[in-house]
C-alpha atoms as a PDB file:
ATOM      1  CA  MET A   1     197.595 141.041 -38.074  1.00  0.00           C
ATOM      2  CA  ARG A   2     200.076 139.681 -35.556  1.00  0.00           C
ATOM      3  CA  GLU A   3     202.234 138.068 -38.251  1.00  0.00           C
ATOM      4  CA  ARG A   4     202.333 141.280 -40.252  1.00  0.00           C
ATOM      5  CA  ALA A   5     203.168 143.279 -37.108  1.00  0.00           C
ATOM      6  CA  GLU A   6     205.991 140.907 -36.221  1.00  0.00           C
ATOM      7  CA  ALA A   7     207.362 141.225 -39.755  1.00  0.00           C
ATOM      8  CA  THR A   8     207.790 145.004 -39.482  1.00  0.00           C
ATOM      9  CA  THR A   9     211.150 146.514 -38.623  1.00  0.00           C
ATOM     10  CA  ASP A  10     209.757 148.404 -35.604  1.00  0.00           C
ATOM     11  CA  PHE A  11     208.190 145.395 -33.907  1.00  0.00           C
ATOM     12  CA  LYS A  12     211.265 143.960 -32.160  1.00  0.00           C
ATOM     13  CA  ALA A  13     212.158 147.253 -30.482  1.00  0.00           C
ATOM     14  CA  THR A  14     208.504 147.915 -29.677  1.00  0.00           C
ATOM     15  CA  SER A  15     208.091 144.500 -28.108  1.00  0.00           C
ATOM     16  CA  LYS A  16     211.329 144.733 -26.138  1.00  0.00           C
ATOM     17  CA  ASN A  17     210.449 148.178 -24.740  1.00  0.00           C
ATOM     18  CA  GLN A  18     206.766 147.271 -24.269  1.00  0.00           C
ATOM     19  CA  ASP A  19     205.890 150.548 -25.973  1.00  0.00           C
ATOM     20  CA  THR A  20     202.130 150.496 -26.562  1.00  0.00           C
ATOM     21  CA  ILE A  21     202.099 153.774 -28.502  1.00  0.00           C
ATOM     22  CA  ALA A  22     204.711 152.426 -30.926  1.00  0.00           C
ATOM     23  CA  LEU A  23     202.690 149.208 -31.235  1.00  0.00           C
ATOM     24  CA  LEU A  24     199.615 151.240 -32.162  1.00  0.00           C
ATOM     25  CA  LYS A  25     201.681 153.024 -34.826  1.00  0.00           C
ATOM     26  CA  VAL A  26     202.806 149.664 -36.232  1.00  0.00           C
ATOM     27  CA  MET A  27     199.182 148.504 -36.330  1.00  0.00           C
ATOM     28  CA  LYS A  28     198.168 151.735 -38.035  1.00  0.00           C
ATOM     29  CA  GLN A  29     200.837 151.173 -40.692  1.00  0.00           C
ATOM     30  CA  ILE A  30     199.431 147.711 -41.345  1.00  0.00           C
ATOM     31  CA  VAL A  31     195.865 148.969 -41.608  1.00  0.00           C
ATOM     32  CA  PHE A  32     196.851 151.818 -43.945  1.00  0.00           C
ATOM     33  CA  PHE A  33     199.311 149.595 -45.906  1.00  0.00           C
ATOM     34  CA  CYS A  34     202.008 152.264 -45.544  1.00  0.00           C
ATOM     35  CA  ASP A  35     204.745 149.787 -44.696  1.00  0.00           C
ATOM     36  CA  THR A  36     203.998 147.337 -47.509  1.00  0.00           C
ATOM     37  CA  VAL A  37     202.445 149.358 -50.326  1.00  0.00           C
ATOM     38  CA  LYS A  38     203.853 152.563 -51.732  1.00  0.00           C
ATOM     39  CA  PHE A  39     201.021 155.050 -52.135  1.00  0.00           C
ATOM     40  CA  SER A  40     200.615 155.645 -55.844  1.00  0.00           C
ATOM     41  CA  PRO A  41     198.784 158.624 -57.335  1.00  0.00           C
ATOM     42  CA  TYR A  42     195.765 156.369 -57.889  1.00  0.00           C
ATOM     43  CA  GLU A  43     195.658 155.271 -54.235  1.00  0.00           C
ATOM     44  CA  LEU A  44     196.125 158.824 -52.955  1.00  0.00           C
ATOM     45  CA  ARG A  45     193.340 160.049 -55.246  1.00  0.00           C
ATOM     46  CA  ASN A  46     191.041 157.334 -53.886  1.00  0.00           C
ATOM     47  CA  VAL A  47     191.802 158.375 -50.312  1.00  0.00           C
ATOM     48  CA  HIS A  48     191.039 162.001 -51.207  1.00  0.00           C
ATOM     49  CA  ARG A  49     187.876 160.933 -53.026  1.00  0.00           C
ATOM     50  CA  ARG A  50     186.659 159.126 -49.893  1.00  0.00           C
ATOM     51  CA  PHE A  51     187.418 162.242 -47.850  1.00  0.00           C
ATOM     52  CA  ASN A  52     185.654 164.550 -50.310  1.00  0.00           C
ATOM     53  CA  THR A  53     182.529 162.392 -50.521  1.00  0.00           C
ATOM     54  CA  ILE A  54     182.068 161.501 -46.862  1.00  0.00           C
ATOM     55  CA  GLU A  55     178.533 162.119 -45.641  1.00  0.00           C
ATOM     56  CA  GLN A  56     176.700 161.689 -42.395  1.00  0.00           C
ATOM     57  CA  GLY A  57     174.158 158.964 -42.981  1.00  0.00           C
ATOM     58  CA  GLN A  58     170.594 159.310 -41.760  1.00  0.00           C
ATOM     59  CA  MET A  59     171.179 156.842 -38.952  1.00  0.00           C
ATOM     60  CA  ALA A  60     174.652 158.064 -37.957  1.00  0.00           C
ATOM     61  CA  THR A  61     175.058 160.136 -34.845  1.00  0.00           C
ATOM     62  CA  PRO A  62     177.226 163.270 -34.955  1.00  0.00           C
ATOM     63  CA  ASN A  63     179.912 161.423 -32.977  1.00  0.00           C
ATOM     64  CA  GLU A  64     179.925 158.522 -35.461  1.00  0.00           C
ATOM     65  CA  TYR A  65     180.228 160.948 -38.358  1.00  0.00           C
ATOM     66  CA  LEU A  66     183.043 162.825 -36.613  1.00  0.00           C
ATOM     67  CA  GLU A  67     184.893 159.547 -36.074  1.00  0.00           C
ATOM     68  CA  SER A  68     184.538 158.627 -39.773  1.00  0.00           C
ATOM     69  CA  PHE A  69     185.717 162.096 -40.772  1.00  0.00           C
ATOM     70  CA  LYS A  70     188.752 161.896 -38.486  1.00  0.00           C
ATOM     71  CA  ASN A  71     189.602 158.451 -39.876  1.00  0.00           C
ATOM     72  CA  CYS A  72     189.577 159.808 -43.445  1.00  0.00           C
ATOM     73  CA  VAL A  73     191.817 162.699 -42.409  1.00  0.00           C
ATOM     74  CA  ASN A  74     194.206 160.359 -40.583  1.00  0.00           C
ATOM     75  CA  VAL A  75     194.541 158.062 -43.600  1.00  0.00           C
ATOM     76  CA  ILE A  76     195.477 161.030 -45.797  1.00  0.00           C
ATOM     77  CA  LEU A  77     197.943 162.493 -43.301  1.00  0.00           C
ATOM     78  CA  TYR A  78     199.461 159.136 -42.395  1.00  0.00           C
ATOM     79  CA  SER A  79     200.063 158.303 -46.045  1.00  0.00           C
ATOM     80  CA  GLY A  80     202.090 161.500 -46.424  1.00  0.00           C
ATOM     81  CA  GLY A  81     199.329 163.499 -48.084  1.00  0.00           C
ATOM     82  CA  GLU A  82     197.698 166.763 -47.099  1.00  0.00           C
ATOM     83  CA  ILE A  83     194.140 167.980 -47.022  1.00  0.00           C
ATOM     84  CA  GLY A  84     193.343 170.412 -49.814  1.00  0.00           C
ATOM     85  CA  LEU A  85     196.068 171.180 -52.330  1.00  0.00           C
ATOM     86  CA  ASP A  86     198.276 168.156 -51.868  1.00  0.00           C
ATOM     87  CA  PRO A  87     201.869 168.791 -52.961  1.00  0.00           C
ATOM     88  CA  ARG A  88     202.651 165.076 -52.924  1.00  0.00           C
ATOM     89  CA  ILE A  89     199.936 164.337 -55.483  1.00  0.00           C
ATOM     90  CA  ILE A  90     201.177 167.247 -57.612  1.00  0.00           C
ATOM     91  CA  LYS A  91     204.745 165.843 -57.425  1.00  0.00           C
ATOM     92  CA  LEU A  92     203.486 162.399 -58.465  1.00  0.00           C
ATOM     93  CA  ALA A  93     201.524 163.939 -61.359  1.00  0.00           C
ATOM     94  CA  GLU A  94     204.641 165.909 -62.393  1.00  0.00           C
ATOM     95  CA  LYS A  95     206.583 162.650 -62.374  1.00  0.00           C
ATOM     96  CA  ASP A  96     203.921 160.966 -64.558  1.00  0.00           C
ATOM     97  CA  ILE A  97     204.113 163.799 -67.096  1.00  0.00           C
ATOM     98  CA  GLY A  98     207.872 164.298 -66.798  1.00  0.00           C
ATOM     99  CA  VAL A  99     207.714 168.066 -66.303  1.00  0.00           C
ATOM    100  CA  GLU A 100     207.651 170.364 -63.267  1.00  0.00           C
ATOM    101  CA  TYR A 101     204.469 172.409 -62.900  1.00  0.00           C
ATOM    102  CA  GLU A 102     206.277 175.755 -62.782  1.00  0.00           C
ATOM    103  CA  LYS A 103     208.354 174.988 -65.905  1.00  0.00           C
ATOM    104  CA  GLY A 104     205.526 173.484 -67.956  1.00  0.00           C
ATOM    105  CA  THR A 105     203.448 174.945 -70.747  1.00  0.00           C
ATOM    106  CA  ASP A 106     199.820 175.879 -70.141  1.00  0.00           C
ATOM    107  CA  LYS A 107     198.742 172.533 -71.610  1.00  0.00           C
ATOM    108  CA  GLN A 108     201.138 170.608 -69.344  1.00  0.00           C
ATOM    109  CA  LYS A 109     200.045 172.630 -66.298  1.00  0.00           C
ATOM    110  CA  SER A 110     196.399 171.859 -66.992  1.00  0.00           C
ATOM    111  CA  LYS A 111     197.225 168.146 -67.386  1.00  0.00           C
ATOM    112  CA  ILE A 112     199.111 168.140 -64.054  1.00  0.00           C
ATOM    113  CA  SER A 113     196.184 169.919 -62.397  1.00  0.00           C
ATOM    114  CA  PHE A 114     193.761 167.384 -63.862  1.00  0.00           C
ATOM    115  CA  LEU A 115     195.870 164.402 -62.715  1.00  0.00           C
ATOM    116  CA  SER A 116     196.302 165.833 -59.223  1.00  0.00           C
ATOM    117  CA  GLY A 117     192.611 166.645 -58.877  1.00  0.00           C
ATOM    118  CA  CYS A 118     193.274 170.343 -58.170  1.00  0.00           C
END
């Protein structure tokens, strides 16, 4: 983790200023792979799938469930996505198909909707 943090562009300034909040943001980037991996439609769909299928287990306390829920939300938001109708996923699906949703035929619109999970 330390090596990956030191390799980021923000680490030198963060270290020099002893900015703990910025260091936490760098660590969050590493955990969510936002600085090294570009979120593809597949990865964003998986993040949304985890969010949509999260359940409170029988042994989990309400606070544990809330923490898991918040983590799922943070991963989506931190990766540039949104909860619900995610315009970024729609844009990525439009790019895959090669047509904008508004300008597409009914068949193309339904394919974009299917790819974006809407």
